[in-house]
Amino acid sequence: MVDGLIPSDELSAGDDSATAYWYDPRQYPIWPAIVAGMVAVPISFAFQITVLVGGYFVANGFQPITSVADVQQWVREFAQQPGGILWMVLPGQLAFLGLAFGVARLGREPVGQWLGLSDGVRPRWQWIVFAMSTPVVAVTWAIVLTYAMSALDIDKSRQAESLEAIFRAHRGWQLPALLVAVCLVPAVCEELLFRGLIQNRLLKRLSPPVAIMIAACLFSMAHVDVAHALGVLPLGIWLGILAWRCQSIWPAIMGHMINNAFMILTIQVEPHQDDPRAAASMSVLLLFTLAAFVVSMPLLFLPLRSKAFAVEPEHKTTDDREI
């Protein structure tokens, strides 16, 4: 029997998300995942603020800060400079990454197994289909949220407006830095923490819907701004489903990356929406992602080739650590 598992006759043998075992709570407590999710935002925010304030002092001389508005204006201008967005994003994301690997390192199972860095149970071409369908979830919810905010006479947040201005300022040779900062870095760091560390551990003790929802809510809270947090909640649920059904976080990382790239493309094309070629290109891309979503739904819920997430691989206890 796999170490840390206890037989249970209460689980359904016909459910491909269940096995004949449940995890021993003494060996696999969920409190590290909950605590990691709760401290992730303040730690990330502290890292980011420290770096930005330090950069402000270096750029403007070590003079006392007389106005918070001056610092905010400097941050907006700095973010629009080449590489500025990367320096804005990197400290907070590295905090997520360090927290994920740091807590996972204390666990019983290998770090890669806890974080879901596995080949999973589905073919790689299905990973691509699932990832390509991700923007449909985000776009659909964005439309609903936009109409709701309009009906309630709620204006777009200043954070959203600032981000759009930053994205539009990065063109040509500056675009790679934007793609790294907004697509690659958050996709890897956030998925390792929220779907890897947190959701994977919760799945050992809680039902998949509950585990996925808790991880998605923590992921949503990490975006701080209320409108932004509400906007990414369905995305977090979808990425959680991908990680759970594929038994790997790689499809979630790919989907997160593609979704953010789609968002950047949409924002950069928006000023040129009257151009027939730009409109046609976006229409084709939307149809392609919609087709991927339609194909992904039956594929995603086909029976799995193996048992529940993180149960099948054998692992041995090397010490008496309890996390």
C-alpha atoms as a PDB file:
ATOM      1  CA  MET A   1       0.000   0.000   0.000  1.00  0.00           C
ATOM      2  CA  VAL A   2       1.162   3.535  -0.739  1.00  0.00           C
ATOM      3  CA  ASP A   3       2.709   5.122   2.356  1.00  0.00           C
ATOM      4  CA  GLY A   4       0.367   7.544   4.119  1.00  0.00           C
ATOM      5  CA  LEU A   5      -2.857   6.017   2.749  1.00  0.00           C
ATOM      6  CA  ILE A   6      -5.573   4.295   4.783  1.00  0.00           C
ATOM      7  CA  PRO A   7      -8.110   1.874   3.254  1.00  0.00           C
ATOM      8  CA  SER A   8     -11.676   3.159   3.046  1.00  0.00           C
ATOM      9  CA  ASP A   9     -14.793   1.321   1.906  1.00  0.00           C
ATOM     10  CA  GLU A  10     -16.823   4.518   1.674  1.00  0.00           C
ATOM     11  CA  LEU A  11     -15.439   5.744  -1.654  1.00  0.00           C
ATOM     12  CA  SER A  12     -17.166   4.838  -4.885  1.00  0.00           C
ATOM     13  CA  ALA A  13     -15.288   2.286  -6.962  1.00  0.00           C
ATOM     14  CA  GLY A  14     -16.944   3.606 -10.105  1.00  0.00           C
ATOM     15  CA  ASP A  15     -15.782   7.200  -9.638  1.00  0.00           C
ATOM     16  CA  ASP A  16     -12.574   7.851 -11.561  1.00  0.00           C
ATOM     17  CA  SER A  17     -11.753  10.722  -9.166  1.00  0.00           C
ATOM     18  CA  ALA A  18     -11.731   8.373  -6.168  1.00  0.00           C
ATOM     19  CA  THR A  19      -9.667   5.417  -5.036  1.00  0.00           C
ATOM     20  CA  ALA A  20      -9.987   2.772  -2.384  1.00  0.00           C
ATOM     21  CA  TYR A  21      -7.839   4.891  -0.063  1.00  0.00           C
ATOM     22  CA  TRP A  22      -7.882   8.218   1.695  1.00  0.00           C
ATOM     23  CA  TYR A  23      -4.873  10.128   2.958  1.00  0.00           C
ATOM     24  CA  ASP A  24      -3.854   9.906   6.596  1.00  0.00           C
ATOM     25  CA  PRO A  25      -4.465  13.414   8.039  1.00  0.00           C
ATOM     26  CA  ARG A  26      -1.560  12.955  10.445  1.00  0.00           C
ATOM     27  CA  GLN A  27       0.865  12.603   7.561  1.00  0.00           C
ATOM     28  CA  TYR A  28      -0.817  14.945   5.065  1.00  0.00           C
ATOM     29  CA  PRO A  29      -2.316  17.911   6.970  1.00  0.00           C
ATOM     30  CA  ILE A  30      -3.884  20.675   4.908  1.00  0.00           C
ATOM     31  CA  TRP A  31      -2.855  23.552   7.162  1.00  0.00           C
ATOM     32  CA  PRO A  32       0.430  24.210   5.278  1.00  0.00           C
ATOM     33  CA  ALA A  33      -1.572  24.827   2.089  1.00  0.00           C
ATOM     34  CA  ILE A  34      -4.051  27.144   3.817  1.00  0.00           C
ATOM     35  CA  VAL A  35      -1.334  29.100   5.625  1.00  0.00           C
ATOM     36  CA  ALA A  36       0.731  29.405   2.430  1.00  0.00           C
ATOM     37  CA  GLY A  37      -2.268  30.826   0.592  1.00  0.00           C
ATOM     38  CA  MET A  38      -3.010  33.334   3.353  1.00  0.00           C
ATOM     39  CA  VAL A  39       0.551  34.662   3.699  1.00  0.00           C
ATOM     40  CA  ALA A  40       1.344  34.637  -0.027  1.00  0.00           C
ATOM     41  CA  VAL A  41      -0.270  38.005  -0.789  1.00  0.00           C
ATOM     42  CA  PRO A  42       1.295  40.050   2.044  1.00  0.00           C
ATOM     43  CA  ILE A  43       4.723  38.530   1.433  1.00  0.00           C
ATOM     44  CA  SER A  44       4.493  39.182  -2.306  1.00  0.00           C
ATOM     45  CA  PHE A  45       3.213  42.715  -1.734  1.00  0.00           C
ATOM     46  CA  ALA A  46       6.038  43.448   0.727  1.00  0.00           C
ATOM     47  CA  PHE A  47       8.666  42.236  -1.764  1.00  0.00           C
ATOM     48  CA  GLN A  48       7.170  44.289  -4.575  1.00  0.00           C
ATOM     49  CA  ILE A  49       6.818  47.497  -2.542  1.00  0.00           C
ATOM     50  CA  THR A  50      10.357  47.185  -1.172  1.00  0.00           C
ATOM     51  CA  VAL A  51      11.854  46.877  -4.661  1.00  0.00           C
ATOM     52  CA  LEU A  52       9.751  49.718  -6.123  1.00  0.00           C
ATOM     53  CA  VAL A  53      10.416  52.116  -3.258  1.00  0.00           C
ATOM     54  CA  GLY A  54      14.114  51.263  -3.464  1.00  0.00           C
ATOM     55  CA  GLY A  55      14.049  51.954  -7.194  1.00  0.00           C
ATOM     56  CA  TYR A  56      12.309  55.286  -6.574  1.00  0.00           C
ATOM     57  CA  PHE A  57      15.037  56.376  -4.163  1.00  0.00           C
ATOM     58  CA  VAL A  58      17.789  55.323  -6.579  1.00  0.00           C
ATOM     59  CA  ALA A  59      16.167  57.194  -9.461  1.00  0.00           C
ATOM     60  CA  ASN A  60      15.241  60.344  -7.552  1.00  0.00           C
ATOM     61  CA  GLY A  61      17.922  60.597  -4.912  1.00  0.00           C
ATOM     62  CA  PHE A  62      17.571  59.612  -1.308  1.00  0.00           C
ATOM     63  CA  GLN A  63      15.107  62.336  -0.421  1.00  0.00           C
ATOM     64  CA  PRO A  64      12.130  61.920   1.932  1.00  0.00           C
ATOM     65  CA  ILE A  65       8.892  60.948   0.175  1.00  0.00           C
ATOM     66  CA  THR A  66       6.573  63.945   0.397  1.00  0.00           C
ATOM     67  CA  SER A  67       3.700  62.599  -1.664  1.00  0.00           C
ATOM     68  CA  VAL A  68       2.441  59.092  -2.338  1.00  0.00           C
ATOM     69  CA  ALA A  69       1.006  60.395  -5.616  1.00  0.00           C
ATOM     70  CA  ASP A  70       4.542  61.239  -6.801  1.00  0.00           C
ATOM     71  CA  VAL A  71       5.652  57.661  -6.158  1.00  0.00           C
ATOM     72  CA  GLN A  72       2.606  56.262  -7.971  1.00  0.00           C
ATOM     73  CA  GLN A  73       3.259  58.495 -10.960  1.00  0.00           C
ATOM     74  CA  TRP A  74       6.907  57.419 -11.048  1.00  0.00           C
ATOM     75  CA  VAL A  75       5.840  53.739 -10.913  1.00  0.00           C
ATOM     76  CA  ARG A  76       3.452  54.217 -13.867  1.00  0.00           C
ATOM     77  CA  GLU A  77       6.142  55.947 -15.917  1.00  0.00           C
ATOM     78  CA  PHE A  78       8.795  53.409 -14.929  1.00  0.00           C
ATOM     79  CA  ALA A  79       6.532  50.499 -15.908  1.00  0.00           C
ATOM     80  CA  GLN A  80       6.199  51.885 -19.433  1.00  0.00           C
ATOM     81  CA  GLN A  81       9.954  52.006 -19.925  1.00  0.00           C
ATOM     82  CA  PRO A  82      11.778  49.051 -21.549  1.00  0.00           C
ATOM     83  CA  GLY A  83      12.008  46.271 -18.999  1.00  0.00           C
ATOM     84  CA  GLY A  84      10.167  48.286 -16.366  1.00  0.00           C
ATOM     85  CA  ILE A  85       7.155  45.995 -16.267  1.00  0.00           C
ATOM     86  CA  LEU A  86       9.438  43.019 -15.645  1.00  0.00           C
ATOM     87  CA  TRP A  87      10.998  44.665 -12.597  1.00  0.00           C
ATOM     88  CA  MET A  88       7.531  45.523 -11.317  1.00  0.00           C
ATOM     89  CA  VAL A  89       6.224  41.979 -11.624  1.00  0.00           C
ATOM     90  CA  LEU A  90       9.272  39.864 -10.818  1.00  0.00           C
ATOM     91  CA  PRO A  91       9.719  40.482  -7.035  1.00  0.00           C
ATOM     92  CA  GLY A  92       6.169  39.524  -6.095  1.00  0.00           C
ATOM     93  CA  GLN A  93       6.133  36.519  -8.396  1.00  0.00           C
ATOM     94  CA  LEU A  94       9.470  35.271  -7.068  1.00  0.00           C
ATOM     95  CA  ALA A  95       7.938  35.452  -3.595  1.00  0.00           C
ATOM     96  CA  PHE A  96       5.171  33.100  -4.796  1.00  0.00           C
ATOM     97  CA  LEU A  97       7.766  30.791  -6.328  1.00  0.00           C
ATOM     98  CA  GLY A  98       9.951  30.742  -3.223  1.00  0.00           C
ATOM     99  CA  LEU A  99       6.958  30.054  -0.988  1.00  0.00           C
ATOM    100  CA  ALA A 100       5.799  27.159  -3.185  1.00  0.00           C
ATOM    101  CA  PHE A 101       9.183  25.429  -3.272  1.00  0.00           C
ATOM    102  CA  GLY A 102      10.012  26.305   0.344  1.00  0.00           C
ATOM    103  CA  VAL A 103       6.879  24.728   1.800  1.00  0.00           C
ATOM    104  CA  ALA A 104       6.989  21.766  -0.602  1.00  0.00           C
ATOM    105  CA  ARG A 105      10.586  21.101   0.442  1.00  0.00           C
ATOM    106  CA  LEU A 106       9.349  20.447   3.991  1.00  0.00           C
ATOM    107  CA  GLY A 107       6.906  17.772   2.895  1.00  0.00           C
ATOM    108  CA  ARG A 108       7.082  14.004   2.913  1.00  0.00           C
ATOM    109  CA  GLU A 109       6.690  13.494  -0.815  1.00  0.00           C
ATOM    110  CA  PRO A 110       9.197  14.714  -3.415  1.00  0.00           C
ATOM    111  CA  VAL A 111       8.872  18.400  -4.279  1.00  0.00           C
ATOM    112  CA  GLY A 112       7.907  17.715  -7.881  1.00  0.00           C
ATOM    113  CA  GLN A 113       5.179  15.291  -6.825  1.00  0.00           C
ATOM    114  CA  TRP A 114       3.611  17.734  -4.353  1.00  0.00           C
ATOM    115  CA  LEU A 115       3.715  20.592  -6.874  1.00  0.00           C
ATOM    116  CA  GLY A 116       2.184  18.487  -9.641  1.00  0.00           C
ATOM    117  CA  LEU A 117       5.210  18.632 -11.932  1.00  0.00           C
ATOM    118  CA  SER A 118       4.380  15.303 -13.514  1.00  0.00           C
ATOM    119  CA  ASP A 119       3.505  13.878 -16.923  1.00  0.00           C
ATOM    120  CA  GLY A 120      -0.088  13.427 -15.818  1.00  0.00           C
ATOM    121  CA  VAL A 121      -2.556  10.992 -17.364  1.00  0.00           C
ATOM    122  CA  ARG A 122      -3.543  12.653 -20.619  1.00  0.00           C
ATOM    123  CA  PRO A 123      -1.736  12.968 -23.977  1.00  0.00           C
ATOM    124  CA  ARG A 124       0.220  16.143 -24.603  1.00  0.00           C
ATOM    125  CA  TRP A 125      -1.976  17.136 -27.546  1.00  0.00           C
ATOM    126  CA  GLN A 126      -4.914  17.329 -25.135  1.00  0.00           C
ATOM    127  CA  TRP A 127      -2.890  19.691 -22.945  1.00  0.00           C
ATOM    128  CA  ILE A 128      -2.615  22.012 -25.936  1.00  0.00           C
ATOM    129  CA  VAL A 129      -6.346  21.825 -26.680  1.00  0.00           C
ATOM    130  CA  PHE A 130      -7.225  22.564 -23.055  1.00  0.00           C
ATOM    131  CA  ALA A 131      -4.768  25.454 -22.897  1.00  0.00           C
ATOM    132  CA  MET A 132      -6.017  26.974 -26.146  1.00  0.00           C
ATOM    133  CA  SER A 133      -9.588  26.918 -24.836  1.00  0.00           C
ATOM    134  CA  THR A 134      -8.750  28.925 -21.693  1.00  0.00           C
ATOM    135  CA  PRO A 135      -9.381  32.415 -23.159  1.00  0.00           C
ATOM    136  CA  VAL A 136     -13.022  31.445 -23.799  1.00  0.00           C
ATOM    137  CA  VAL A 137     -13.594  31.196 -20.046  1.00  0.00           C
ATOM    138  CA  ALA A 138     -11.910  34.533 -19.351  1.00  0.00           C
ATOM    139  CA  VAL A 139     -13.576  36.394 -22.231  1.00  0.00           C
ATOM    140  CA  THR A 140     -17.055  35.063 -21.433  1.00  0.00           C
ATOM    141  CA  TRP A 141     -16.780  36.082 -17.799  1.00  0.00           C
ATOM    142  CA  ALA A 142     -15.265  39.459 -18.737  1.00  0.00           C
ATOM    143  CA  ILE A 143     -18.308  40.212 -20.907  1.00  0.00           C
ATOM    144  CA  VAL A 144     -20.687  39.274 -18.077  1.00  0.00           C
ATOM    145  CA  LEU A 145     -18.714  41.322 -15.565  1.00  0.00           C
ATOM    146  CA  THR A 146     -18.554  44.333 -17.885  1.00  0.00           C
ATOM    147  CA  TYR A 147     -22.315  44.336 -18.365  1.00  0.00           C
ATOM    148  CA  ALA A 148     -22.861  43.963 -14.617  1.00  0.00           C
ATOM    149  CA  MET A 149     -20.527  46.861 -13.812  1.00  0.00           C
ATOM    150  CA  SER A 150     -22.220  48.976 -16.468  1.00  0.00           C
ATOM    151  CA  ALA A 151     -25.667  48.203 -15.068  1.00  0.00           C
ATOM    152  CA  LEU A 152     -24.488  49.118 -11.579  1.00  0.00           C
ATOM    153  CA  ASP A 153     -22.758  52.262 -12.896  1.00  0.00           C
ATOM    154  CA  ILE A 154     -19.347  51.087 -11.673  1.00  0.00           C
ATOM    155  CA  ASP A 155     -16.358  52.549 -13.498  1.00  0.00           C
ATOM    156  CA  LYS A 156     -13.280  50.588 -14.507  1.00  0.00           C
ATOM    157  CA  SER A 157     -10.690  50.551 -11.719  1.00  0.00           C
ATOM    158  CA  ARG A 158      -7.600  52.757 -11.907  1.00  0.00           C
ATOM    159  CA  GLN A 159      -5.430  49.637 -11.692  1.00  0.00           C
ATOM    160  CA  ALA A 160      -7.067  48.209 -14.820  1.00  0.00           C
ATOM    161  CA  GLU A 161      -6.637  51.489 -16.693  1.00  0.00           C
ATOM    162  CA  SER A 162      -2.973  51.708 -15.646  1.00  0.00           C
ATOM    163  CA  LEU A 163      -2.317  48.136 -16.775  1.00  0.00           C
ATOM    164  CA  GLU A 164      -3.915  48.755 -20.156  1.00  0.00           C
ATOM    165  CA  ALA A 165      -1.757  51.871 -20.644  1.00  0.00           C
ATOM    166  CA  ILE A 166       1.356  49.866 -19.745  1.00  0.00           C
ATOM    167  CA  PHE A 167       0.453  47.056 -22.153  1.00  0.00           C
ATOM    168  CA  ARG A 168      -0.166  49.461 -25.023  1.00  0.00           C
ATOM    169  CA  ALA A 169       3.155  51.208 -24.389  1.00  0.00           C
ATOM    170  CA  HIS A 170       5.101  47.986 -25.029  1.00  0.00           C
ATOM    171  CA  ARG A 171       5.351  47.477 -28.783  1.00  0.00           C
ATOM    172  CA  GLY A 172       7.916  46.222 -31.242  1.00  0.00           C
ATOM    173  CA  TRP A 173      11.140  45.191 -29.564  1.00  0.00           C
ATOM    174  CA  GLN A 174       9.660  45.911 -26.121  1.00  0.00           C
ATOM    175  CA  LEU A 175       6.986  43.246 -26.567  1.00  0.00           C
ATOM    176  CA  PRO A 176       9.174  40.260 -25.487  1.00  0.00           C
ATOM    177  CA  ALA A 177       9.762  41.843 -22.057  1.00  0.00           C
ATOM    178  CA  LEU A 178       6.007  42.322 -21.680  1.00  0.00           C
ATOM    179  CA  LEU A 179       5.281  38.719 -22.663  1.00  0.00           C
ATOM    180  CA  VAL A 180       7.830  37.402 -20.173  1.00  0.00           C
ATOM    181  CA  ALA A 181       6.542  39.648 -17.367  1.00  0.00           C
ATOM    182  CA  VAL A 182       2.814  39.099 -17.920  1.00  0.00           C
ATOM    183  CA  CYS A 183       2.604  35.654 -19.561  1.00  0.00           C
ATOM    184  CA  LEU A 184       5.532  33.433 -18.611  1.00  0.00           C
ATOM    185  CA  VAL A 185       6.443  34.565 -15.079  1.00  0.00           C
ATOM    186  CA  PRO A 186       2.925  34.696 -13.551  1.00  0.00           C
ATOM    187  CA  ALA A 187       1.877  31.469 -15.284  1.00  0.00           C
ATOM    188  CA  VAL A 188       4.754  29.524 -13.763  1.00  0.00           C
ATOM    189  CA  CYS A 189       4.929  31.135 -10.321  1.00  0.00           C
ATOM    190  CA  GLU A 190       1.207  31.444  -9.619  1.00  0.00           C
ATOM    191  CA  GLU A 191       0.360  27.951 -10.856  1.00  0.00           C
ATOM    192  CA  LEU A 192       3.126  26.354  -8.805  1.00  0.00           C
ATOM    193  CA  LEU A 193       1.720  28.016  -5.690  1.00  0.00           C
ATOM    194  CA  PHE A 194      -2.054  27.910  -6.148  1.00  0.00           C
ATOM    195  CA  ARG A 195      -2.634  24.798  -8.263  1.00  0.00           C
ATOM    196  CA  GLY A 196       0.593  23.020  -7.316  1.00  0.00           C
ATOM    197  CA  LEU A 197       1.260  23.534  -3.628  1.00  0.00           C
ATOM    198  CA  ILE A 198      -2.208  24.507  -2.394  1.00  0.00           C
ATOM    199  CA  GLN A 199      -4.697  22.613  -4.574  1.00  0.00           C
ATOM    200  CA  ASN A 200      -2.672  19.402  -4.703  1.00  0.00           C
ATOM    201  CA  ARG A 201      -2.482  19.199  -0.929  1.00  0.00           C
ATOM    202  CA  LEU A 202      -6.165  20.064  -0.490  1.00  0.00           C
ATOM    203  CA  LEU A 203      -7.098  17.297  -2.944  1.00  0.00           C
ATOM    204  CA  LYS A 204      -5.578  14.768  -0.572  1.00  0.00           C
ATOM    205  CA  ARG A 205      -8.156  15.572   2.089  1.00  0.00           C
ATOM    206  CA  LEU A 206     -11.068  17.411   0.469  1.00  0.00           C
ATOM    207  CA  SER A 207     -13.410  16.715  -2.439  1.00  0.00           C
ATOM    208  CA  PRO A 208     -12.201  18.084  -5.812  1.00  0.00           C
ATOM    209  CA  PRO A 209     -14.878  20.836  -6.068  1.00  0.00           C
ATOM    210  CA  VAL A 210     -14.038  22.153  -2.590  1.00  0.00           C
ATOM    211  CA  ALA A 211     -10.270  21.961  -3.117  1.00  0.00           C
ATOM    212  CA  ILE A 212     -10.482  23.657  -6.516  1.00  0.00           C
ATOM    213  CA  MET A 213     -12.738  26.434  -5.202  1.00  0.00           C
ATOM    214  CA  ILE A 214     -10.525  27.203  -2.199  1.00  0.00           C
ATOM    215  CA  ALA A 215      -7.414  27.400  -4.389  1.00  0.00           C
ATOM    216  CA  ALA A 216      -9.275  29.560  -6.930  1.00  0.00           C
ATOM    217  CA  CYS A 217     -10.466  31.959  -4.224  1.00  0.00           C
ATOM    218  CA  LEU A 218      -6.928  32.334  -2.859  1.00  0.00           C
ATOM    219  CA  PHE A 219      -5.687  32.883  -6.415  1.00  0.00           C
ATOM    220  CA  SER A 220      -8.375  35.534  -6.903  1.00  0.00           C
ATOM    221  CA  MET A 221      -7.452  37.312  -3.664  1.00  0.00           C
ATOM    222  CA  ALA A 222      -3.833  37.509  -4.810  1.00  0.00           C
ATOM    223  CA  HIS A 223      -4.895  40.007  -7.488  1.00  0.00           C
ATOM    224  CA  VAL A 224      -5.861  42.501  -4.729  1.00  0.00           C
ATOM    225  CA  ASP A 225      -7.985  44.885  -6.846  1.00  0.00           C
ATOM    226  CA  VAL A 226     -11.635  43.882  -6.299  1.00  0.00           C
ATOM    227  CA  ALA A 227     -12.680  44.092  -9.958  1.00  0.00           C
ATOM    228  CA  HIS A 228      -9.563  42.204 -11.076  1.00  0.00           C
ATOM    229  CA  ALA A 229     -10.064  39.574  -8.367  1.00  0.00           C
ATOM    230  CA  LEU A 230     -13.651  38.961  -9.469  1.00  0.00           C
ATOM    231  CA  GLY A 231     -12.497  38.823 -13.079  1.00  0.00           C
ATOM    232  CA  VAL A 232      -9.966  36.029 -12.522  1.00  0.00           C
ATOM    233  CA  LEU A 233     -12.056  33.803 -10.226  1.00  0.00           C
ATOM    234  CA  PRO A 234     -13.591  31.692 -13.053  1.00  0.00           C
ATOM    235  CA  LEU A 235     -10.137  31.476 -14.635  1.00  0.00           C
ATOM    236  CA  GLY A 236      -8.781  30.042 -11.375  1.00  0.00           C
ATOM    237  CA  ILE A 237     -11.589  27.466 -11.280  1.00  0.00           C
ATOM    238  CA  TRP A 238     -10.950  26.436 -14.890  1.00  0.00           C
ATOM    239  CA  LEU A 239      -7.200  26.110 -14.354  1.00  0.00           C
ATOM    240  CA  GLY A 240      -7.879  24.083 -11.218  1.00  0.00           C
ATOM    241  CA  ILE A 241     -10.075  21.702 -13.188  1.00  0.00           C
ATOM    242  CA  LEU A 242      -7.346  21.293 -15.802  1.00  0.00           C
ATOM    243  CA  ALA A 243      -4.716  20.500 -13.173  1.00  0.00           C
ATOM    244  CA  TRP A 244      -7.025  18.043 -11.410  1.00  0.00           C
ATOM    245  CA  ARG A 245      -8.279  16.186 -14.480  1.00  0.00           C
ATOM    246  CA  CYS A 246      -4.851  16.043 -16.123  1.00  0.00           C
ATOM    247  CA  GLN A 247      -3.117  15.195 -12.826  1.00  0.00           C
ATOM    248  CA  SER A 248      -0.441  17.733 -13.714  1.00  0.00           C
ATOM    249  CA  ILE A 249      -0.100  21.502 -13.445  1.00  0.00           C
ATOM    250  CA  TRP A 250       1.576  21.820 -16.852  1.00  0.00           C
ATOM    251  CA  PRO A 251      -1.745  22.241 -18.727  1.00  0.00           C
ATOM    252  CA  ALA A 252      -2.742  24.911 -16.194  1.00  0.00           C
ATOM    253  CA  ILE A 253       0.560  26.728 -16.722  1.00  0.00           C
ATOM    254  CA  MET A 254       0.061  26.592 -20.493  1.00  0.00           C
ATOM    255  CA  GLY A 255      -3.542  27.768 -20.222  1.00  0.00           C
ATOM    256  CA  HIS A 256      -2.586  30.635 -17.903  1.00  0.00           C
ATOM    257  CA  MET A 257       0.155  31.707 -20.292  1.00  0.00           C
ATOM    258  CA  ILE A 258      -2.076  31.599 -23.375  1.00  0.00           C
ATOM    259  CA  ASN A 259      -4.869  33.458 -21.597  1.00  0.00           C
ATOM    260  CA  ASN A 260      -2.556  36.313 -20.576  1.00  0.00           C
ATOM    261  CA  ALA A 261      -1.102  36.503 -24.084  1.00  0.00           C
ATOM    262  CA  PHE A 262      -4.630  36.693 -25.496  1.00  0.00           C
ATOM    263  CA  MET A 263      -5.419  39.511 -23.056  1.00  0.00           C
ATOM    264  CA  ILE A 264      -2.357  41.493 -24.162  1.00  0.00           C
ATOM    265  CA  LEU A 265      -3.222  40.974 -27.827  1.00  0.00           C
ATOM    266  CA  THR A 266      -6.802  42.132 -27.240  1.00  0.00           C
ATOM    267  CA  ILE A 267      -5.689  45.302 -25.461  1.00  0.00           C
ATOM    268  CA  GLN A 268      -3.123  46.144 -28.120  1.00  0.00           C
ATOM    269  CA  VAL A 269      -5.568  45.541 -30.974  1.00  0.00           C
ATOM    270  CA  GLU A 270      -8.441  47.489 -29.370  1.00  0.00           C
ATOM    271  CA  PRO A 271      -7.302  50.950 -30.609  1.00  0.00           C
ATOM    272  CA  HIS A 272      -7.266  49.496 -34.172  1.00  0.00           C
ATOM    273  CA  GLN A 273     -10.650  47.762 -34.007  1.00  0.00           C
ATOM    274  CA  ASP A 274     -11.879  49.815 -36.965  1.00  0.00           C
ATOM    275  CA  ASP A 275      -9.199  48.203 -39.127  1.00  0.00           C
ATOM    276  CA  PRO A 276     -10.904  45.329 -41.022  1.00  0.00           C
ATOM    277  CA  ARG A 277      -7.755  43.212 -40.939  1.00  0.00           C
ATOM    278  CA  ALA A 278      -7.375  43.555 -37.171  1.00  0.00           C
ATOM    279  CA  ALA A 279     -11.052  42.776 -36.626  1.00  0.00           C
ATOM    280  CA  ALA A 280     -10.877  39.745 -38.916  1.00  0.00           C
ATOM    281  CA  SER A 281      -7.758  38.431 -37.172  1.00  0.00           C
ATOM    282  CA  MET A 282      -9.361  38.693 -33.747  1.00  0.00           C
ATOM    283  CA  SER A 283     -12.531  37.018 -35.016  1.00  0.00           C
ATOM    284  CA  VAL A 284     -10.557  34.076 -36.398  1.00  0.00           C
ATOM    285  CA  LEU A 285      -8.619  33.759 -33.138  1.00  0.00           C
ATOM    286  CA  LEU A 286     -11.810  33.830 -31.092  1.00  0.00           C
ATOM    287  CA  LEU A 287     -13.377  31.141 -33.289  1.00  0.00           C
ATOM    288  CA  PHE A 288     -10.261  29.016 -32.926  1.00  0.00           C
ATOM    289  CA  THR A 289     -10.330  29.228 -29.121  1.00  0.00           C
ATOM    290  CA  LEU A 290     -14.070  28.541 -29.113  1.00  0.00           C
ATOM    291  CA  ALA A 291     -13.541  25.433 -31.243  1.00  0.00           C
ATOM    292  CA  ALA A 292     -10.816  24.305 -28.831  1.00  0.00           C
ATOM    293  CA  PHE A 293     -13.205  24.808 -25.908  1.00  0.00           C
ATOM    294  CA  VAL A 294     -15.946  22.748 -27.579  1.00  0.00           C
ATOM    295  CA  VAL A 295     -13.484  19.929 -28.255  1.00  0.00           C
ATOM    296  CA  SER A 296     -11.985  20.136 -24.769  1.00  0.00           C
ATOM    297  CA  MET A 297     -15.229  19.573 -22.843  1.00  0.00           C
ATOM    298  CA  PRO A 298     -15.779  15.893 -23.749  1.00  0.00           C
ATOM    299  CA  LEU A 299     -12.031  15.217 -23.673  1.00  0.00           C
ATOM    300  CA  LEU A 300     -11.649  16.744 -20.238  1.00  0.00           C
ATOM    301  CA  PHE A 301     -14.199  14.448 -18.637  1.00  0.00           C
ATOM    302  CA  LEU A 302     -13.255  11.206 -20.326  1.00  0.00           C
ATOM    303  CA  PRO A 303     -12.305   8.448 -17.842  1.00  0.00           C
ATOM    304  CA  LEU A 304      -8.745   8.778 -16.592  1.00  0.00           C
ATOM    305  CA  ARG A 305      -6.062   6.228 -17.342  1.00  0.00           C
ATOM    306  CA  SER A 306      -5.071   5.988 -13.676  1.00  0.00           C
ATOM    307  CA  LYS A 307      -6.374   6.654 -10.209  1.00  0.00           C
ATOM    308  CA  ALA A 308      -6.804   9.944  -8.382  1.00  0.00           C
ATOM    309  CA  PHE A 309      -4.314  12.795  -8.480  1.00  0.00           C
ATOM    310  CA  ALA A 310      -1.047  12.074  -6.688  1.00  0.00           C
ATOM    311  CA  VAL A 311      -2.210   8.641  -5.455  1.00  0.00           C
ATOM    312  CA  GLU A 312      -0.756   6.346  -8.080  1.00  0.00           C
ATOM    313  CA  PRO A 313       2.984   7.179  -7.799  1.00  0.00           C
ATOM    314  CA  GLU A 314       4.647   5.291  -4.984  1.00  0.00           C
ATOM    315  CA  HIS A 315       6.652   7.410  -2.564  1.00  0.00           C
ATOM    316  CA  LYS A 316       8.608   6.526   0.520  1.00  0.00           C
ATOM    317  CA  THR A 317       8.954   8.411   3.764  1.00  0.00           C
ATOM    318  CA  THR A 318      12.551   9.451   4.336  1.00  0.00           C
ATOM    319  CA  ASP A 319      12.075  11.050   7.752  1.00  0.00           C
ATOM    320  CA  ASP A 320       9.438  11.884  10.337  1.00  0.00           C
ATOM    321  CA  ARG A 321       8.515  15.343   9.074  1.00  0.00           C
ATOM    322  CA  GLU A 322       4.760  15.926   9.430  1.00  0.00           C
ATOM    323  CA  ILE A 323       3.997  18.539   6.753  1.00  0.00           C
END
